[in-house]
Amino acid sequence: MTLKACKKEEKMDREFQKKFKFEGSIKVLTQMMVDPAATEKRGGAKNLPLRRGEILDVIQFTNQEQILCRNSQRRYGYVPRAVMLPL
């Protein structure tokens, strides 16, 4: 990984922590897959865009309806638990 790419990732992580008021280090708890039968959705203010069959890193189980996740492009957002499947 180049120095430029590393700094870009650090910047994205800082922005995530500020936007979601996340304290501490970012640790991946597990990985889950978006249900292949789910409808694809655009992302919103704090929601992550969904693509069928996509593997997401789970950062935090926030409540009964949502999970805080990160996708392969290192974008963060909330995802409904109803569309997530364990690997």
N, C-alpha and C. Protein backbone atom coordinates (compact mmCIF):
# COMPACT_ATOMS: atom_id res chain seq x y z
N MET A 1 0.85 -1.18 0.00
CA MET A 1 0.00 0.00 0.00
C MET A 1 0.89 1.24 0.00
N THR A 2 0.57 2.16 -0.85
CA THR A 2 1.36 3.37 -0.94
C THR A 2 1.03 4.33 0.20
N LEU A 3 1.91 5.27 0.41
CA LEU A 3 1.70 6.26 1.46
C LEU A 3 0.45 7.08 1.19
N LYS A 4 0.22 7.42 -0.08
CA LYS A 4 -0.95 8.21 -0.45
C LYS A 4 -2.24 7.45 -0.14
N ALA A 5 -2.28 6.17 -0.46
CA ALA A 5 -3.46 5.35 -0.19
C ALA A 5 -3.69 5.19 1.30
N CYS A 6 -2.62 5.04 2.05
CA CYS A 6 -2.72 4.89 3.50
C CYS A 6 -3.29 6.17 4.14
N LYS A 7 -2.82 7.32 3.69
CA LYS A 7 -3.32 8.59 4.23
C LYS A 7 -4.79 8.79 3.86
N LYS A 8 -5.18 8.37 2.66
CA LYS A 8 -6.57 8.49 2.23
C LYS A 8 -7.48 7.63 3.12
N GLU A 9 -7.04 6.40 3.44
CA GLU A 9 -7.82 5.54 4.32
C GLU A 9 -7.93 6.13 5.71
N GLU A 10 -6.84 6.69 6.22
CA GLU A 10 -6.89 7.32 7.54
C GLU A 10 -7.87 8.48 7.56
N LYS A 11 -7.88 9.27 6.49
CA LYS A 11 -8.80 10.40 6.40
C LYS A 11 -10.25 9.92 6.38
N MET A 12 -10.52 8.87 5.60
CA MET A 12 -11.88 8.32 5.53
C MET A 12 -12.31 7.78 6.90
N ASP A 13 -11.39 7.14 7.63
CA ASP A 13 -11.71 6.63 8.95
C ASP A 13 -12.02 7.76 9.93
N ARG A 14 -11.25 8.85 9.86
CA ARG A 14 -11.52 10.00 10.74
C ARG A 14 -12.88 10.62 10.43
N GLU A 15 -13.21 10.74 9.14
CA GLU A 15 -14.51 11.28 8.75
C GLU A 15 -15.65 10.39 9.25
N PHE A 16 -15.44 9.08 9.16
CA PHE A 16 -16.44 8.13 9.66
C PHE A 16 -16.66 8.35 11.15
N GLN A 17 -15.57 8.43 11.92
CA GLN A 17 -15.69 8.58 13.36
C GLN A 17 -16.41 9.87 13.74
N LYS A 18 -16.17 10.91 12.97
CA LYS A 18 -16.83 12.20 13.24
C LYS A 18 -18.31 12.13 12.88
N LYS A 19 -18.62 11.58 11.71
CA LYS A 19 -20.00 11.53 11.22
C LYS A 19 -20.90 10.66 12.09
N PHE A 20 -20.39 9.50 12.52
CA PHE A 20 -21.18 8.56 13.29
C PHE A 20 -20.94 8.65 14.79
N LYS A 21 -20.12 9.63 15.21
CA LYS A 21 -19.79 9.81 16.63
C LYS A 21 -19.28 8.49 17.22
N PHE A 22 -18.38 7.85 16.49
CA PHE A 22 -17.81 6.57 16.87
C PHE A 22 -16.50 6.83 17.61
N GLU A 23 -16.38 6.27 18.80
CA GLU A 23 -15.18 6.48 19.59
C GLU A 23 -14.38 5.19 19.65
N GLY A 24 -13.08 5.31 19.72
CA GLY A 24 -12.20 4.16 19.80
C GLY A 24 -11.73 3.73 18.42
N SER A 25 -11.00 2.62 18.40
CA SER A 25 -10.48 2.12 17.13
C SER A 25 -11.57 1.36 16.37
N ILE A 26 -11.44 1.35 15.06
CA ILE A 26 -12.41 0.67 14.21
C ILE A 26 -11.99 -0.79 14.08
N LYS A 27 -12.81 -1.69 14.60
CA LYS A 27 -12.51 -3.11 14.56
C LYS A 27 -13.66 -3.83 13.85
N VAL A 28 -13.30 -4.74 12.97
CA VAL A 28 -14.31 -5.54 12.26
C VAL A 28 -14.72 -6.69 13.17
N LEU A 29 -16.01 -6.75 13.52
CA LEU A 29 -16.51 -7.81 14.39
C LEU A 29 -16.71 -9.11 13.62
N THR A 30 -17.30 -8.99 12.44
CA THR A 30 -17.56 -10.15 11.60
C THR A 30 -17.86 -9.66 10.18
N GLN A 31 -18.08 -10.58 9.28
CA GLN A 31 -18.50 -10.23 7.93
C GLN A 31 -19.86 -10.87 7.68
N MET A 32 -20.70 -10.14 6.97
CA MET A 32 -22.02 -10.64 6.62
C MET A 32 -22.29 -10.32 5.16
N MET A 33 -23.25 -11.03 4.57
CA MET A 33 -23.58 -10.84 3.17
C MET A 33 -24.97 -10.24 3.04
N VAL A 34 -25.12 -9.34 2.08
CA VAL A 34 -26.44 -8.78 1.76
C VAL A 34 -27.22 -9.89 1.05
N ASP A 35 -28.45 -10.09 1.46
CA ASP A 35 -29.31 -11.13 0.89
C ASP A 35 -29.41 -10.98 -0.63
N PRO A 36 -29.09 -12.05 -1.39
CA PRO A 36 -29.20 -11.96 -2.85
C PRO A 36 -30.61 -11.68 -3.35
N ALA A 37 -31.63 -11.96 -2.53
CA ALA A 37 -33.01 -11.71 -2.92
C ALA A 37 -33.48 -10.30 -2.54
N ALA A 38 -32.65 -9.55 -1.82
CA ALA A 38 -33.03 -8.21 -1.38
C ALA A 38 -32.99 -7.24 -2.56
N THR A 39 -33.79 -6.20 -2.45
CA THR A 39 -33.76 -5.16 -3.49
C THR A 39 -32.56 -4.26 -3.25
N GLU A 40 -31.94 -3.84 -4.34
CA GLU A 40 -30.80 -2.93 -4.22
C GLU A 40 -31.31 -1.54 -3.87
N LYS A 41 -30.59 -0.88 -2.97
CA LYS A 41 -31.01 0.44 -2.51
C LYS A 41 -29.86 1.42 -2.61
N ARG A 42 -30.21 2.66 -2.91
CA ARG A 42 -29.22 3.73 -2.89
C ARG A 42 -28.94 4.10 -1.44
N GLY A 43 -27.76 4.60 -1.22
CA GLY A 43 -27.42 5.07 0.12
C GLY A 43 -28.06 6.41 0.40
N GLY A 44 -28.26 6.68 1.64
CA GLY A 44 -28.82 7.97 2.05
C GLY A 44 -27.79 8.72 2.86
N ALA A 45 -28.25 9.57 3.74
CA ALA A 45 -27.36 10.39 4.56
C ALA A 45 -26.40 9.52 5.36
N LYS A 46 -26.93 8.56 6.08
CA LYS A 46 -26.08 7.68 6.88
C LYS A 46 -26.28 6.21 6.51
N ASN A 47 -27.01 5.95 5.44
CA ASN A 47 -27.26 4.57 5.02
C ASN A 47 -26.29 4.18 3.92
N LEU A 48 -25.86 2.95 3.97
CA LEU A 48 -24.92 2.41 3.00
C LEU A 48 -25.69 1.90 1.78
N PRO A 49 -25.21 2.19 0.56
CA PRO A 49 -25.89 1.63 -0.62
C PRO A 49 -25.75 0.11 -0.61
N LEU A 50 -26.82 -0.58 -1.01
CA LEU A 50 -26.83 -2.05 -0.96
C LEU A 50 -26.78 -2.65 -2.35
N ARG A 51 -25.94 -3.66 -2.50
CA ARG A 51 -25.88 -4.45 -3.72
C ARG A 51 -26.08 -5.91 -3.33
N ARG A 52 -26.87 -6.62 -4.09
CA ARG A 52 -27.16 -8.02 -3.79
C ARG A 52 -25.88 -8.85 -3.72
N GLY A 53 -25.78 -9.68 -2.68
CA GLY A 53 -24.65 -10.59 -2.54
C GLY A 53 -23.35 -9.94 -2.08
N GLU A 54 -23.36 -8.66 -1.79
CA GLU A 54 -22.15 -7.97 -1.37
C GLU A 54 -21.75 -8.40 0.04
N ILE A 55 -20.45 -8.57 0.26
CA ILE A 55 -19.93 -8.91 1.58
C ILE A 55 -19.56 -7.61 2.29
N LEU A 56 -20.08 -7.43 3.50
CA LEU A 56 -19.84 -6.22 4.28
C LEU A 56 -19.13 -6.56 5.59
N ASP A 57 -18.25 -5.65 6.04
CA ASP A 57 -17.62 -5.78 7.34
C ASP A 57 -18.53 -5.15 8.38
N VAL A 58 -18.83 -5.89 9.44
CA VAL A 58 -19.68 -5.37 10.52
C VAL A 58 -18.78 -4.66 11.53
N ILE A 59 -19.07 -3.38 11.75
CA ILE A 59 -18.31 -2.57 12.69
C ILE A 59 -18.99 -2.54 14.06
N GLN A 60 -20.33 -2.44 14.04
CA GLN A 60 -21.07 -2.35 15.31
C GLN A 60 -22.51 -2.81 15.11
N PHE A 61 -23.01 -3.61 16.06
CA PHE A 61 -24.43 -3.96 16.08
C PHE A 61 -25.12 -2.86 16.89
N THR A 62 -25.74 -1.91 16.19
CA THR A 62 -26.25 -0.71 16.86
C THR A 62 -27.57 -0.92 17.59
N ASN A 63 -28.53 -1.56 16.94
CA ASN A 63 -29.82 -1.82 17.58
C ASN A 63 -30.49 -3.01 16.88
N GLN A 64 -31.77 -3.26 17.18
CA GLN A 64 -32.47 -4.41 16.62
C GLN A 64 -32.74 -4.28 15.12
N GLU A 65 -32.73 -3.06 14.59
CA GLU A 65 -33.07 -2.86 13.18
C GLU A 65 -31.87 -2.61 12.27
N GLN A 66 -30.76 -2.10 12.82
CA GLN A 66 -29.66 -1.68 11.95
C GLN A 66 -28.31 -2.18 12.45
N ILE A 67 -27.38 -2.27 11.49
CA ILE A 67 -26.00 -2.63 11.78
C ILE A 67 -25.11 -1.58 11.10
N LEU A 68 -24.06 -1.17 11.77
CA LEU A 68 -23.09 -0.25 11.18
C LEU A 68 -22.05 -1.08 10.43
N CYS A 69 -21.93 -0.84 9.12
CA CYS A 69 -21.07 -1.67 8.27
C CYS A 69 -20.14 -0.83 7.41
N ARG A 70 -19.16 -1.54 6.81
CA ARG A 70 -18.23 -0.93 5.85
C ARG A 70 -18.20 -1.83 4.62
N ASN A 71 -18.26 -1.21 3.43
CA ASN A 71 -18.22 -2.00 2.20
C ASN A 71 -16.80 -2.08 1.65
N SER A 72 -16.63 -2.69 0.49
CA SER A 72 -15.31 -2.90 -0.09
C SER A 72 -14.64 -1.59 -0.53
N GLN A 73 -15.41 -0.53 -0.74
CA GLN A 73 -14.84 0.77 -1.09
C GLN A 73 -14.52 1.60 0.15
N ARG A 74 -14.56 0.98 1.33
CA ARG A 74 -14.30 1.63 2.62
C ARG A 74 -15.30 2.75 2.92
N ARG A 75 -16.52 2.59 2.46
CA ARG A 75 -17.60 3.52 2.81
C ARG A 75 -18.36 2.92 3.98
N TYR A 76 -18.79 3.77 4.88
CA TYR A 76 -19.47 3.34 6.09
C TYR A 76 -20.93 3.76 6.05
N GLY A 77 -21.78 3.00 6.75
CA GLY A 77 -23.18 3.38 6.85
C GLY A 77 -23.99 2.30 7.54
N TYR A 78 -25.24 2.65 7.80
CA TYR A 78 -26.16 1.71 8.43
C TYR A 78 -26.82 0.82 7.38
N VAL A 79 -27.04 -0.44 7.77
CA VAL A 79 -27.69 -1.42 6.90
C VAL A 79 -28.78 -2.10 7.72
N PRO A 80 -29.98 -2.29 7.15
CA PRO A 80 -31.04 -2.99 7.89
C PRO A 80 -30.66 -4.44 8.17
N ARG A 81 -30.90 -4.89 9.38
CA ARG A 81 -30.59 -6.28 9.75
C ARG A 81 -31.38 -7.28 8.92
N ALA A 82 -32.57 -6.88 8.46
CA ALA A 82 -33.46 -7.79 7.73
C ALA A 82 -32.84 -8.28 6.43
N VAL A 83 -31.92 -7.53 5.84
CA VAL A 83 -31.33 -7.93 4.55
C VAL A 83 -29.94 -8.58 4.71
N MET A 84 -29.50 -8.79 5.94
CA MET A 84 -28.18 -9.35 6.17
C MET A 84 -28.25 -10.85 6.48
N LEU A 85 -27.29 -11.58 5.91
CA LEU A 85 -27.18 -13.03 6.14
C LEU A 85 -25.78 -13.35 6.69
N PRO A 86 -25.69 -14.26 7.66
CA PRO A 86 -24.36 -14.64 8.14
C PRO A 86 -23.62 -15.44 7.09
N LEU A 87 -22.31 -15.36 7.10
CA LEU A 87 -21.50 -16.13 6.15
C LEU A 87 -21.29 -17.55 6.67
